[in-house]
Every structure is written in C-alpha cells, then in structure tokens.
Protein backbone atom coordinates (compact mmCIF):
# COMPACT_ATOMS: atom_id res chain seq x y z
CA MET A 1 -9.88 6.75 5.32
CA VAL A 2 -9.26 5.74 1.45
CA VAL A 3 -5.48 6.59 2.05
CA ALA A 4 -5.87 4.13 5.25
CA ALA A 5 -7.61 1.21 2.46
CA VAL A 6 -5.39 1.88 0.24
CA CYS A 7 -2.56 0.84 2.18
CA GLY A 8 -4.14 -1.35 4.52
CA PHE A 9 -4.64 -3.99 0.81
CA LEU A 10 -1.52 -2.56 -0.79
CA PHE A 11 0.68 -3.19 2.04
CA PHE A 12 -0.87 -5.58 4.70
CA PHE A 13 -3.42 -7.85 2.67
CA GLY A 14 -1.47 -11.61 1.91
CA LEU A 15 1.85 -10.32 3.50
CA SER A 16 2.30 -14.49 4.35
CA TRP A 17 0.87 -15.89 1.36
CA PHE A 18 4.13 -17.06 0.02
CA GLY A 19 7.31 -17.35 2.85
CA LEU A 20 10.33 -14.95 2.81
CA VAL A 21 12.39 -15.11 -0.50
CA GLY A 22 15.82 -14.46 -1.10
CA ALA A 23 18.93 -14.57 1.44
CA ASP A 24 18.19 -11.19 3.07
CA GLU A 25 14.40 -11.68 3.99
CA PRO A 26 14.94 -15.17 5.97
CA ARG A 27 18.41 -13.86 7.30
CA TYR A 28 17.23 -10.48 8.94
CA ALA A 29 14.08 -12.63 10.33
CA GLN A 30 16.71 -14.46 12.14
CA VAL A 31 18.54 -11.76 13.37
CA ALA A 32 15.39 -10.00 14.72
CA ARG A 33 14.45 -13.89 16.42
CA GLU A 34 17.80 -14.28 18.27
CA MET A 35 17.57 -11.12 19.34
CA LEU A 36 14.87 -11.29 20.94
CA SER A 37 15.51 -14.82 22.94
CA ARG A 38 18.44 -13.41 24.03
CA HIS A 39 16.88 -10.13 25.12
CA ASP A 40 19.60 -8.39 23.24
CA TRP A 41 18.53 -4.90 21.91
CA VAL A 42 22.21 -4.51 21.59
CA THR A 43 24.03 -6.31 19.26
CA PRO A 44 22.32 -8.35 16.02
CA VAL A 45 23.19 -11.91 16.08
CA LEU A 46 23.18 -14.40 13.40
CA GLY A 47 23.37 -18.54 14.49
CA GLY A 48 24.91 -17.10 18.09
CA VAL A 49 27.46 -14.69 16.38
CA PRO A 50 27.46 -11.29 15.87
CA TRP A 51 25.77 -9.79 12.77
CA LEU A 52 27.11 -6.34 12.10
CA GLU A 53 25.96 -5.52 8.83
CA LYS A 54 23.46 -3.62 9.76
CA PRO A 55 21.90 -1.32 12.20
CA PRO A 56 19.17 -2.70 14.03
CA LEU A 57 16.05 -0.04 13.52
CA PHE A 58 14.38 -2.87 11.41
CA TYR A 59 15.19 -5.82 14.20
CA TRP A 60 14.05 -3.39 16.92
CA GLN A 61 10.54 -3.22 14.82
CA ALA A 62 10.62 -6.89 14.11
CA MET A 63 11.34 -7.84 17.91
CA LEU A 64 8.50 -6.09 18.90
CA ALA A 65 6.23 -7.43 15.78
CA TYR A 66 7.05 -10.78 17.32
CA ALA A 67 6.10 -10.31 20.51
CA ALA A 68 2.69 -9.59 19.77
CA LEU A 69 2.71 -12.09 17.16
CA GLY A 70 4.85 -14.51 17.48
CA VAL A 71 7.38 -15.23 15.41
CA ASN A 72 6.09 -15.98 11.27
CA ASP A 73 6.41 -14.39 7.79
CA PHE A 74 3.57 -11.82 8.62
CA ALA A 75 5.31 -10.74 11.67
CA ALA A 76 9.00 -10.77 9.83
CA ARG A 77 7.33 -8.04 7.20
CA LEU A 78 5.12 -6.15 9.39
CA PRO A 79 8.00 -3.69 10.26
CA SER A 80 8.29 -2.36 6.42
CA ALA A 81 4.36 -2.57 5.63
CA VAL A 82 4.12 -0.10 9.01
CA ASP A 83 7.05 2.48 7.50
CA ALA A 84 5.27 2.55 4.66
CA THR A 85 2.13 3.96 5.54
CA LEU A 86 4.21 6.09 7.62
CA MET A 87 5.24 7.43 4.77
CA VAL A 88 2.41 7.60 3.08
CA VAL A 89 0.76 9.70 5.95
CA ALA A 90 3.17 12.12 6.12
CA VAL A 91 2.92 12.71 2.46
CA PHE A 92 -0.54 13.43 3.02
CA VAL A 93 -0.32 15.89 5.86
CA PHE A 94 2.89 17.46 3.80
CA SER A 95 0.94 17.89 0.90
CA ARG A 96 -2.46 19.42 2.93
CA LYS A 97 -0.09 22.24 3.80
CA PHE A 98 1.64 23.08 0.87
CA ARG A 99 -1.15 21.45 -1.99
CA PRO A 100 -4.45 21.62 -0.11
CA GLU A 101 -6.40 20.32 -2.86
CA PHE A 102 -4.06 17.76 -3.92
CA GLN A 103 -3.01 15.35 -0.23
CA LEU A 104 -5.16 12.42 -1.56
CA ASP A 105 -3.47 12.28 -4.60
CA GLY A 106 -0.13 12.49 -3.70
CA ALA A 107 -0.66 9.77 -0.99
CA LEU A 108 -2.62 7.34 -3.11
CA ILE A 109 0.94 8.14 -5.52
CA VAL A 110 3.41 7.12 -3.61
CA ALA A 111 1.48 4.43 -2.02
CA SER A 112 0.50 2.99 -5.68
CA GLY A 113 4.03 2.90 -6.97
CA ALA A 114 5.46 -0.31 -7.48
CA ALA A 115 8.92 -0.18 -5.42
CA VAL A 116 6.72 0.88 -2.69
CA ILE A 117 4.50 -1.92 -2.70
CA GLY A 118 7.31 -4.30 -3.07
CA PHE A 119 9.64 -3.12 -0.79
CA ALA A 120 6.64 -2.69 1.85
CA ARG A 121 6.36 -6.23 1.75
CA ALA A 122 9.47 -7.13 1.98
CA ALA A 123 11.52 -8.30 5.64
CA SER A 124 14.23 -5.84 4.77
CA THR A 125 16.24 -2.61 5.71
CA ASP A 126 15.40 -0.83 2.57
CA MET A 127 11.80 0.68 3.70
CA PRO A 128 12.52 1.49 7.00
CA LEU A 129 15.78 3.60 5.56
CA ALA A 130 12.89 4.94 3.07
CA ALA A 131 10.27 5.61 4.99
CA MET A 132 12.70 7.61 7.66
CA PHE A 133 14.47 9.60 5.59
CA GLY A 134 10.99 10.86 3.50
CA ILE A 135 9.57 12.16 6.58
CA GLY A 136 13.13 13.92 7.46
CA MET A 137 13.57 15.55 4.13
CA LEU A 138 9.70 16.75 4.01
CA ALA A 139 9.97 18.10 7.61
CA TRP A 140 13.11 19.78 5.79
CA TYR A 141 11.39 21.42 3.39
CA ALA A 142 8.00 21.96 5.66
CA TRP A 143 10.86 23.91 7.79
CA HIS A 144 12.24 26.13 5.02
CA GLU A 145 8.96 27.10 3.76
CA THR A 146 7.14 28.39 7.94
CA SER A 147 10.80 28.98 9.31
CA LYS A 148 8.76 26.48 12.25
CA LYS A 149 12.03 25.40 14.19
CA VAL A 150 9.55 22.06 15.18
CA TRP A 151 9.49 21.16 11.47
CA LEU A 152 13.62 21.18 11.81
CA ALA A 153 13.29 19.08 15.03
CA PHE A 154 11.44 16.35 13.09
CA PHE A 155 14.07 16.61 10.52
CA TYR A 156 16.90 15.78 13.05
CA ILE A 157 14.71 12.57 14.63
CA PHE A 158 14.10 10.64 11.45
CA ILE A 159 17.40 11.52 9.06
CA GLY A 160 18.20 9.92 12.90
CA LEU A 161 16.05 6.61 12.15
CA GLY A 162 17.58 6.80 9.24
CA VAL A 163 20.63 6.43 10.24
CA LEU A 164 19.91 3.21 12.52
CA ALA A 165 18.04 1.66 9.80
CA LYS A 166 20.59 1.60 7.61
CA GLY A 167 23.58 3.47 8.54
CA PRO A 168 25.62 7.09 7.54
CA VAL A 169 24.02 6.98 4.31
CA ALA A 170 20.66 8.55 5.50
CA ALA A 171 22.68 11.64 6.66
CA PHE A 172 24.86 12.03 3.78
CA LEU A 173 22.31 11.91 1.18
CA ALA A 174 20.09 14.61 3.48
CA GLY A 175 23.21 16.95 3.25
CA VAL A 176 23.71 16.49 -0.28
CA VAL A 177 20.47 17.07 -1.47
CA ILE A 178 20.07 19.95 1.15
CA GLY A 179 23.52 21.62 0.02
CA ILE A 180 22.68 21.11 -3.87
CA TYR A 181 19.40 22.53 -3.15
CA ALA A 182 20.75 26.08 -1.23
CA LEU A 183 23.61 26.05 -4.18
CA MET A 184 21.25 26.14 -6.46
CA ARG A 185 18.23 28.65 -4.78
CA ARG A 186 21.85 31.10 -4.09
CA GLU A 187 21.01 30.62 -0.55
CA LEU A 188 23.78 29.00 1.37
CA HIS A 189 22.39 30.34 4.43
CA LEU A 190 19.97 27.62 4.95
CA VAL A 191 22.80 25.44 5.30
CA LYS A 192 24.16 27.29 8.17
CA ARG A 193 20.67 27.91 9.59
CA THR A 194 20.07 23.89 9.17
CA LEU A 195 22.74 23.46 11.46
CA TRP A 196 20.55 23.81 14.24
CA LEU A 197 22.88 23.07 17.33
CA PRO A 198 19.39 21.37 19.72
CA GLY A 199 18.61 19.77 16.28
CA ILE A 200 22.09 18.22 15.97
CA LEU A 201 21.82 17.17 19.76
CA LEU A 202 18.77 15.71 19.23
CA PHE A 203 20.42 13.52 16.28
CA CYS A 204 22.93 12.34 17.97
CA CYS A 205 20.49 11.48 20.82
CA VAL A 206 18.66 9.35 18.54
CA ALA A 207 21.15 7.89 16.58
CA LEU A 208 24.28 7.67 18.76
CA PRO A 209 23.49 5.99 22.12
CA TRP A 210 23.05 2.47 19.83
CA TYR A 211 26.55 3.06 17.62
CA ALA A 212 28.70 3.24 21.15
CA LEU A 213 27.02 0.58 22.84
CA VAL A 214 27.46 -2.13 19.83
CA GLN A 215 31.23 -0.57 19.56
CA LEU A 216 32.07 -1.22 23.24
CA ARG A 217 30.52 -4.60 23.32
CA ASN A 218 31.79 -5.41 19.76
CA PRO A 219 35.16 -3.69 19.41
CA GLU A 220 34.92 -4.93 15.99
CA PHE A 221 32.05 -2.98 14.76
CA LEU A 222 33.49 -0.22 13.18
CA ARG A 223 35.76 -2.34 10.83
CA VAL A 224 32.93 -4.38 10.02
CA PHE A 225 30.27 -2.25 9.37
CA ILE A 226 32.05 1.03 8.69
CA LEU A 227 34.77 -0.50 6.58
CA GLN A 228 33.56 -3.60 4.71
CA HIS A 229 29.78 -2.83 5.12
CA ASN A 230 29.77 1.01 4.13
CA LEU A 231 33.01 1.92 2.14
CA GLU A 232 34.58 -1.95 0.85
CA ARG A 233 30.88 -2.47 -0.70
CA PHE A 234 30.45 1.09 -2.35
CA SER A 235 34.35 1.18 -3.72
CA SER A 236 34.51 -3.03 -4.88
CA ASN A 237 32.68 -5.82 -5.95
CA LEU A 238 33.05 -7.26 -2.57
CA TYR A 239 29.56 -9.19 -2.32
CA HIS A 240 29.34 -9.94 -6.24
CA HIS A 241 26.50 -6.90 -7.10
CA ARG A 242 28.29 -5.27 -10.05
CA GLU A 243 25.78 -3.54 -12.32
CA PRO A 244 26.55 -0.98 -15.63
CA PHE A 245 26.94 2.02 -14.72
CA TRP A 246 23.02 3.19 -15.81
CA PHE A 247 21.74 0.58 -14.06
CA TYR A 248 19.59 2.84 -11.70
CA ILE A 249 17.76 4.18 -14.64
CA PRO A 250 15.53 1.59 -15.98
CA ILE A 251 15.60 0.23 -12.32
CA ALA A 252 13.85 4.21 -11.22
CA LEU A 253 11.59 3.65 -14.39
CA LEU A 254 10.03 0.45 -12.96
CA GLY A 255 9.77 1.40 -9.47
CA LEU A 256 7.34 4.37 -10.08
CA LEU A 257 5.46 2.06 -12.65
CA PRO A 258 2.43 2.76 -12.95
CA TRP A 259 3.10 6.65 -13.13
CA THR A 260 6.48 6.53 -14.89
CA ALA A 261 5.11 8.61 -17.71
CA PHE A 262 4.09 11.41 -15.63
CA ALA A 263 7.11 11.10 -13.57
CA VAL A 264 9.73 11.35 -16.48
CA ASP A 265 7.39 14.62 -18.03
CA ALA A 266 7.52 16.16 -14.67
CA VAL A 267 11.52 15.24 -14.55
CA ILE A 268 11.48 17.11 -17.81
CA VAL A 269 9.03 20.14 -16.87
CA ASN A 270 11.18 20.68 -14.07
CA ALA A 271 14.26 20.41 -14.84
CA ARG A 272 13.86 23.05 -18.30
CA ARG A 273 11.86 25.14 -15.69
CA TRP A 274 15.27 25.65 -13.74
CA TRP A 275 17.51 26.00 -16.23
CA ASN A 276 15.31 29.26 -18.35
CA GLU A 277 15.01 30.17 -14.51
CA ARG A 278 19.39 29.68 -13.77
CA ARG A 279 19.81 33.55 -13.97
CA ALA A 280 17.24 34.56 -11.27
CA LEU A 281 16.09 32.83 -8.35
CA PRO A 282 14.13 29.91 -9.30
CA ALA A 283 10.18 30.43 -8.26
CA ASP A 284 9.32 26.56 -8.08
CA GLY A 285 11.40 25.67 -4.65
CA LEU A 286 9.83 22.44 -4.38
CA GLY A 287 9.66 21.30 -7.66
CA LEU A 288 13.55 21.82 -7.67
CA TYR A 289 13.97 20.33 -4.38
CA LEU A 290 12.01 17.30 -5.60
CA LEU A 291 14.20 16.97 -8.68
CA ILE A 292 17.37 17.20 -6.49
CA TRP A 293 16.01 14.49 -4.02
CA LEU A 294 15.00 12.21 -6.67
CA ILE A 295 18.36 12.62 -8.89
CA VAL A 296 21.00 12.73 -6.26
CA PRO A 297 20.26 8.90 -4.69
CA ILE A 298 20.26 7.66 -8.25
CA ALA A 299 23.51 9.70 -8.73
CA PHE A 300 25.31 8.14 -5.65
CA PHE A 301 24.72 5.00 -5.95
CA SER A 302 25.29 4.87 -9.85
CA LEU A 303 29.01 5.59 -8.40
CA SER A 304 28.65 2.58 -6.50
CA GLN A 305 30.47 -0.94 -7.45
CA SER A 306 28.02 -2.70 -5.70
CA LYS A 307 24.29 -2.36 -6.83
CA LEU A 308 20.98 -3.80 -5.65
CA PRO A 309 17.42 -2.75 -6.87
CA GLY A 310 17.03 -1.46 -3.41
CA TYR A 311 19.47 1.25 -2.80
CA ILE A 312 17.74 3.98 -4.33
CA LEU A 313 14.30 3.38 -2.75
CA PRO A 314 14.66 6.74 -0.88
CA ALA A 315 15.02 8.61 -3.95
CA LEU A 316 11.55 7.41 -5.04
CA PRO A 317 8.93 9.05 -3.00
CA ALA A 318 10.62 12.49 -4.43
CA GLY A 319 9.23 11.21 -8.26
CA SER A 320 6.26 10.35 -7.05
CA LEU A 321 5.56 13.63 -5.14
CA LEU A 322 7.19 15.38 -8.76
CA ILE A 323 3.85 13.95 -10.14
CA VAL A 324 1.65 15.47 -7.44
CA GLU A 325 3.41 19.19 -8.76
CA TYR A 326 3.11 18.21 -12.60
CA VAL A 327 -0.79 17.79 -11.55
CA ALA A 328 -1.19 20.38 -10.09
CA ARG A 329 -0.28 22.76 -11.81
CA ASN A 330 -2.74 21.43 -14.41
CA GLN A 331 -6.04 21.78 -13.00
CA GLU A 332 -8.49 22.54 -16.27
CA ARG A 333 -10.20 20.22 -17.44
CA LYS A 334 -7.49 18.45 -20.31
CA PRO A 335 -4.71 19.61 -18.82
CA PHE A 336 -2.11 16.49 -19.68
CA LYS A 337 -0.39 16.09 -23.16
CA LYS A 338 -1.42 13.03 -25.33
CA TYR A 339 1.88 10.97 -24.89
CA VAL A 340 1.35 11.12 -21.30
CA ILE A 341 -2.04 9.81 -21.35
CA ALA A 342 -0.93 7.24 -23.80
CA SER A 343 2.09 5.56 -22.34
CA HIS A 344 0.10 6.15 -18.52
CA SER A 345 -2.74 4.42 -19.72
CA LEU A 346 -0.46 1.21 -21.10
CA LEU A 347 1.37 1.39 -18.22
CA SER A 348 -1.52 1.03 -15.82
CA VAL A 349 -3.41 -1.86 -17.00
CA GLY A 350 -0.61 -3.23 -18.79
CA LEU A 351 0.19 -4.13 -15.48
CA ILE A 352 -2.67 -6.37 -15.21
CA VAL A 353 -0.97 -8.68 -18.31
CA PRO A 354 2.51 -9.71 -16.15
CA ALA A 355 0.57 -10.07 -12.92
CA ALA A 356 -2.46 -12.50 -14.15
CA LEU A 357 0.49 -14.30 -16.39
CA VAL A 358 2.98 -14.04 -13.01
CA SER A 359 2.46 -18.15 -11.89
CA THR A 360 3.61 -19.48 -15.71
CA ILE A 361 6.42 -16.57 -16.03
CA VAL A 362 7.72 -18.22 -12.62
CA LEU A 363 7.17 -21.52 -12.96
CA THR A 364 8.39 -21.56 -16.64
CA HIS A 365 10.87 -18.86 -17.13
CA HIS A 366 9.35 -16.92 -19.96
CA PHE A 367 6.49 -15.17 -21.41
CA PRO A 368 3.79 -17.47 -22.83
CA TRP A 369 2.57 -16.84 -25.82
CA GLY A 370 -0.20 -18.26 -27.12
CA ARG A 371 -4.39 -18.03 -27.76
CA SER A 372 -5.47 -17.18 -23.97
CA THR A 373 -1.83 -14.48 -24.37
CA ALA A 374 -3.30 -13.00 -26.96
CA LEU A 375 -6.87 -11.96 -26.48
CA LEU A 376 -5.39 -11.22 -22.46
CA LEU A 377 -3.26 -8.46 -24.77
CA ALA A 378 -5.91 -7.77 -26.77
CA ILE A 379 -8.26 -6.89 -23.35
CA VAL A 380 -5.91 -5.40 -22.39
CA ALA A 381 -5.05 -2.76 -25.60
CA GLY A 382 -9.33 -1.93 -25.40
CA LEU A 383 -8.85 -1.35 -21.75
CA ALA A 384 -6.05 1.06 -22.27
CA ALA A 385 -8.03 2.64 -25.11
CA LEU A 386 -11.15 3.46 -22.63
CA CYS A 387 -8.60 4.93 -19.90
CA ALA A 388 -7.07 7.05 -22.84
CA LEU A 389 -10.29 8.89 -23.92
CA GLY A 390 -11.64 8.87 -19.92
CA LEU A 391 -7.89 10.60 -19.41
CA THR A 392 -8.68 13.06 -21.97
CA LYS A 393 -12.25 14.16 -21.87
CA TYR A 394 -12.29 14.02 -17.85
CA GLY A 395 -8.57 15.16 -17.13
CA MET A 396 -7.89 15.03 -13.52
CA ARG A 397 -11.17 13.62 -12.39
CA ALA A 398 -10.38 10.32 -14.15
CA LEU A 399 -6.85 10.16 -12.77
CA ARG A 400 -7.18 8.52 -9.63
CA PHE A 401 -9.72 5.63 -11.31
CA VAL A 402 -7.65 5.06 -14.37
CA THR A 403 -4.57 4.34 -12.25
CA LEU A 404 -5.31 2.32 -8.97
CA VAL A 405 -7.83 0.35 -10.62
CA PRO A 406 -5.28 -1.66 -12.41
CA VAL A 407 -2.96 -1.50 -9.39
CA LEU A 408 -5.70 -2.93 -7.72
CA ILE A 409 -6.23 -5.96 -9.58
CA ALA A 410 -2.46 -6.54 -10.34
CA VAL A 411 -1.47 -6.59 -6.67
CA SER A 412 -4.90 -8.91 -6.44
CA ALA A 413 -3.74 -11.38 -9.35
CA VAL A 414 0.22 -11.50 -8.08
CA LEU A 415 -1.63 -12.32 -4.61
CA ARG A 416 -4.19 -14.70 -5.60
CA LEU A 417 -2.24 -16.48 -8.60
CA GLY A 418 1.46 -16.20 -8.07
CA ALA A 419 1.45 -16.73 -4.30
CA PRO A 420 1.91 -20.56 -4.37
CA ALA A 421 4.15 -20.85 -7.31
CA LEU A 422 6.36 -17.83 -5.78
CA ASP A 423 5.89 -20.01 -2.51
CA ASN A 424 7.22 -23.08 -4.21
CA SER A 425 9.99 -21.40 -6.39
CA PHE A 426 11.92 -18.81 -3.85
CA SER A 427 11.16 -19.26 -0.54
CA ALA A 428 12.24 -22.40 1.83
CA ARG A 429 8.98 -22.73 3.64
CA PRO A 430 7.55 -25.69 2.05
CA VAL A 431 10.93 -27.50 1.72
CA ALA A 432 11.08 -26.63 5.88
CA ARG A 433 7.60 -27.80 5.79
CA GLN A 434 8.41 -31.30 3.24
CA LEU A 435 11.35 -32.06 5.61
CA ILE A 436 9.56 -32.30 8.63
CA ASP A 437 6.85 -34.31 6.82
CA MET A 438 9.69 -36.44 5.86
CA GLN A 439 11.72 -37.69 9.30
CA GLY A 440 10.30 -34.65 12.00
CA GLU A 441 12.14 -31.59 12.62
CA ASN A 442 14.35 -33.00 15.15
CA LEU A 443 17.56 -33.80 12.96
CA PRO A 444 20.48 -31.14 12.48
CA VAL A 445 19.92 -30.48 8.03
CA ALA A 446 22.91 -29.49 6.43
CA VAL A 447 22.90 -28.35 2.90
CA LEU A 448 25.31 -29.39 -0.32
CA ARG A 449 26.01 -26.41 -2.79
CA ALA A 450 22.87 -25.41 -2.16
CA ARG A 451 21.86 -21.45 -3.03
CA ARG A 452 22.09 -18.90 0.19
CA GLU A 453 18.72 -18.72 -0.20
CA VAL A 454 18.20 -21.85 0.91
CA GLU A 455 20.81 -22.40 3.72
CA TYR A 456 19.40 -19.25 5.43
CA GLY A 457 15.78 -19.66 5.08
CA LEU A 458 16.18 -23.20 6.55
CA GLN A 459 17.53 -21.79 9.65
CA PHE A 460 14.71 -19.07 10.04
CA TYR A 461 12.37 -22.35 8.95
CA PHE A 462 13.54 -24.84 11.64
CA ASN A 463 15.28 -21.84 14.23
CA ARG A 464 18.23 -23.51 14.20
CA ASN A 465 21.90 -23.30 12.43
CA ILE A 466 22.03 -24.96 9.33
CA PHE A 467 25.57 -26.74 8.53
CA ARG A 468 27.35 -26.59 5.48
CA TYR A 469 29.24 -29.33 3.83
CA GLU A 470 31.42 -27.13 1.54
CA LEU A 471 32.68 -25.31 4.71
CA GLY A 472 33.80 -28.60 6.38
CA GLN A 473 30.59 -28.95 8.78
CA GLU A 474 29.49 -32.50 8.34
CA PRO A 475 27.89 -33.25 11.61
CA ASP A 476 28.96 -36.58 13.64
CA GLY A 477 25.27 -37.31 14.07
CA GLU A 478 22.86 -38.46 12.25
CA HIS A 479 21.38 -35.67 10.08
CA LEU A 480 19.43 -34.70 7.15
CA LEU A 481 20.97 -33.45 3.80
CA VAL A 482 19.67 -30.70 1.51
CA ALA A 483 21.99 -30.89 -1.80
CA SER A 484 21.65 -29.37 -5.15
CA GLN A 485 20.17 -31.94 -7.71
CA GLY A 486 22.20 -34.13 -9.16
CA LEU A 487 24.86 -34.77 -6.47
CA ALA A 488 24.14 -38.43 -5.12
CA ASP A 489 27.36 -39.30 -6.30
CA GLU A 490 28.91 -36.85 -3.68
CA VAL A 491 27.09 -37.45 -1.30
CA ALA A 492 28.06 -40.78 -0.95
CA LEU A 493 31.73 -39.91 -1.34
CA ARG A 494 31.88 -37.26 1.66
CA ASN A 495 29.07 -40.19 3.99
CA SER A 496 32.32 -42.93 3.36
CA GLY A 497 31.51 -45.18 5.69
CA ARG A 498 27.87 -44.22 6.81
CA LYS A 499 24.44 -44.91 5.77
CA VAL A 500 23.06 -42.38 3.41
CA HIS A 501 19.41 -42.83 2.08
CA TYR A 502 17.60 -40.94 -0.54
CA LEU A 503 14.24 -39.34 0.89
CA GLY A 504 13.24 -37.42 -1.90
CA ASN A 505 13.31 -34.28 -3.75
CA PHE A 506 12.28 -30.53 -4.73
CA PRO A 507 11.70 -30.04 -8.12
CA ALA A 508 10.47 -26.87 -8.24
CA GLN A 509 14.20 -25.15 -6.70
CA ARG A 510 16.24 -28.67 -8.10
CA LEU A 511 17.04 -29.59 -4.46
CA GLU A 512 17.17 -33.56 -3.26
CA PHE A 513 17.42 -34.83 0.30
CA TYR A 514 18.96 -36.99 1.80
CA TRP A 515 19.21 -38.98 5.45
CA VAL A 516 22.52 -39.88 6.48
CA SER A 517 23.30 -41.66 9.94
CA ALA A 518 26.00 -41.01 12.46
CA LYS A 519 29.46 -42.07 11.92
C-alpha cells in the first residue's frame, strides 16, 4: 500500500497540470495519435510521413491509453508513469527475495529519485527503456543467484522489450554489464550459461517481428534508424547536442537526488571493497554487479558525441539499489557517517527551496534573492539540522521520514506553484488555446522562426500539420501565422500582395500572431 500510494502521487498525480513541453513530448504523442487513427501498429507516422527515429513500444502504450482515455496530455504521459511503477514494483519483489528486510526501502529509494520522478512524468521513450532494461537486469541477477531458468526467461523478455523501447542499445548494454561482471568475478562461464537458446528465442520473438515488418513496409528503415539515429547520433554531433565528456557525472548526481550523498559513498565503499578483494573472489556479488550496471551506461554515453540527460536513465536504478546495499550493511542504531548525514539532510530538505521558487525562477530566469528567500533558506537550514539530528539519533528508522517528506513537499510545490508558469513558458497548449479563442480552430497554422517546441506542440494540440515559412511552405489560402517576436516587417515582406492583420501576442514565449488572407 505504501509503495502504491507513493508511486500514485509521485508519478500520476497532476500529470496533466501543464501541457507537453519540449519538442519530443508533443512529437511522440502525435506519432501515437496518427498511428491509432490509421490503425497501423507497425509504421510510426508524423504528419502522414513515416517517422522512423524510434521503435514502437512507447507509441503502442500511448495508443492503448488514447483508446481508453481519449487523446490528451494525461494519456500521452501515462505510459511512462506506468513503466516507472512497474520498475519500482520489480525492485520491491527483487529486494523482498534477496534483501528481505529492505524491500520497502529499495522501492521507495528508486521511486523518489529526481530523474525517475521527472521522466515518469514525460511522454518520451526514456522511461520505457529504463524500466524494461532495469527489470531485465534484476531478472538476470535473480537467475545468477538462484539458477532458476524462469528468471533468465524474464531477462530475455524484458531486454527484448527494451530493444522495442529505444533500440539495440538495451541488448548491447546488458551484454557489456554481464560480460564485465563475469570477467571481474573470474566466472567467464556465466556468459556461456547466459546464452540460453530458449531465452534467445524468446528475445527474438519479442523484439524481431516488428523490426522485420517495419523494414518490409519501409525499405529505408535500417538506414534511417540504425545508421542515422543510432550510429551517426553516437559518432557525430548530427543533432546539435554536443556536451563535454564529463557531462553525465553532474547529471547522474542530480538524477539521484535527494539520495546523492548516500549514492556517492556507496560507490566509494563498493569500489574500495572490490579493490581490496580483487586478488580473491569478491564476496559481494550484488554490490559489484550494481556498481558495473551504474558505471557502464554512464561511461558508454560519455563517449557519444550527442548527449541528452535521459540517455543515462537506465543506469540510475542501479545507483538507487547500491544505496539499499549500503544501508543493509549498516543496521545498527547509528550507522551513517557524519558527512553523509549532513549532506543528505541538506539535499533532502534543500529540494523545497527551488520547488517553492520554481514559478519565479521560470518567469525571471534567475534565482530570486531577497528577504523572503533568505527567510526560506533559514527555515530550510533549521529543518536540515533537525533532520541531521534525527538521522544521528535514530539512523535507519528516521531515513524514510527525513527523505520522503521533503520529496513529497517539493513535488507538491512544483505542481501547485510551478505548473501554471511551466505551462505558460514552455508548452504550446496555452498558445493553441489563445489562437482558438482569437480565430477558431479551422484555419491552417504556419510558423515563422518559431522554436521546434512550438511547431511540434501546435501540431499535437491542433492535430494537423504546421506549415513553416522558412521551408517555403506558405499556405496559398487564408491561415494563421505564429512568428517570433519582432518579425512584423519580415511577415509583411513574405506576404506581399496579401492582407495581413496583427492579432496579438504571447509574451511568455515571445510569440506574435497574424491573420493572413488567401492569395
């Protein structure tokens, strides 16, 4: 019940309080809508054209959500929330079997991580991959511990689903993690035993039919998906997401909030333990396995020329489970190191500060220093000191309360205080509503020098193709134009000989609206 309540609040509550943001959310949501309207479960389509960037697992889940709930923001984000919940339940089941006193802690630590909460609320392929990959990796270790083939079967099934979520990277990362683990344990026979023919057949039955069907219907699929959106994305800055090599270190630390202090110490302790035992067979197989699982995706994607925060999401459940291992080894009344207690208390309670100020930060683009902020910081510092005292005195018994209460308060504050500002500043939903209020929803819509987020967002909320002036797509008929602020002269020049009327603007996103007559 506790796990269900926490997941229900952290992943599902207020899921549609602000509209789809960024370019990916509305784009993926629209692909699922078009597939559903075409009754096509094979070829992803955007604007009536095959969109072969990603495999279909998210689209299939969104299609089912749309069929049950209608096409809306909540249904578009529901697949990620459900997948995150499945991952938390899998951690609970795994921990109950292998760390029976800490199953609740394991589930709550995974559920309350910042990255898991964030991506569980996003209409994207990142959480489906992380959940399927995470469940598969847990199943493999369960097989390793018990030798029961049913766990190995689950491993192959969920890695197959991971391949359907985002591509062959799921199978590649699983193979690398298992191979390094077998090498470091000096048990290379594990690799041979893992290559179980019935399991491989299960994997093929899950993953390959869609790849075969989509290739038959779209001969360009392998070139577009494998070469362009996997190999070229990894080896070049094709999509302009270049970041420094160390980019994923702070991303991982932020993604593990508020548990970052415990995670860092857990990594250090497990790495030191492996180093000290390297000449003998390491006694702690699970700790080593989780350490490798955490490091491999981060190291692999650090080599990529194109970097986005969601890429390393599959690694973070391992970091959370390392924390469970860490606390499981310290069951005394006062188990935690002083610097871990101090850091964890500050990080946990400190989440309330940006959450309470999120609306001002979004609207002004800077941290609001002033008397009210100073008072808030003083209150948070006092609460952090009380939390530190509680952890020092009661240890493990206080950990859930000290951590989860601030997380729940922070999420509540973001939803209650920040949702309107996030909606106004980053989503095309209010833009679409204002356009409809001005001129109705029947006219074609075009954009001029507007961000991709605006274009894809309007495409979802209007459920039609959006024309882009820069590509020579000026409609011949009467239409609405959404342009970046300050382009009145260019709008008039591009529509020479046509009537153009200024309709208004949307200051939060620096957009202006025009009505343009037919040629």
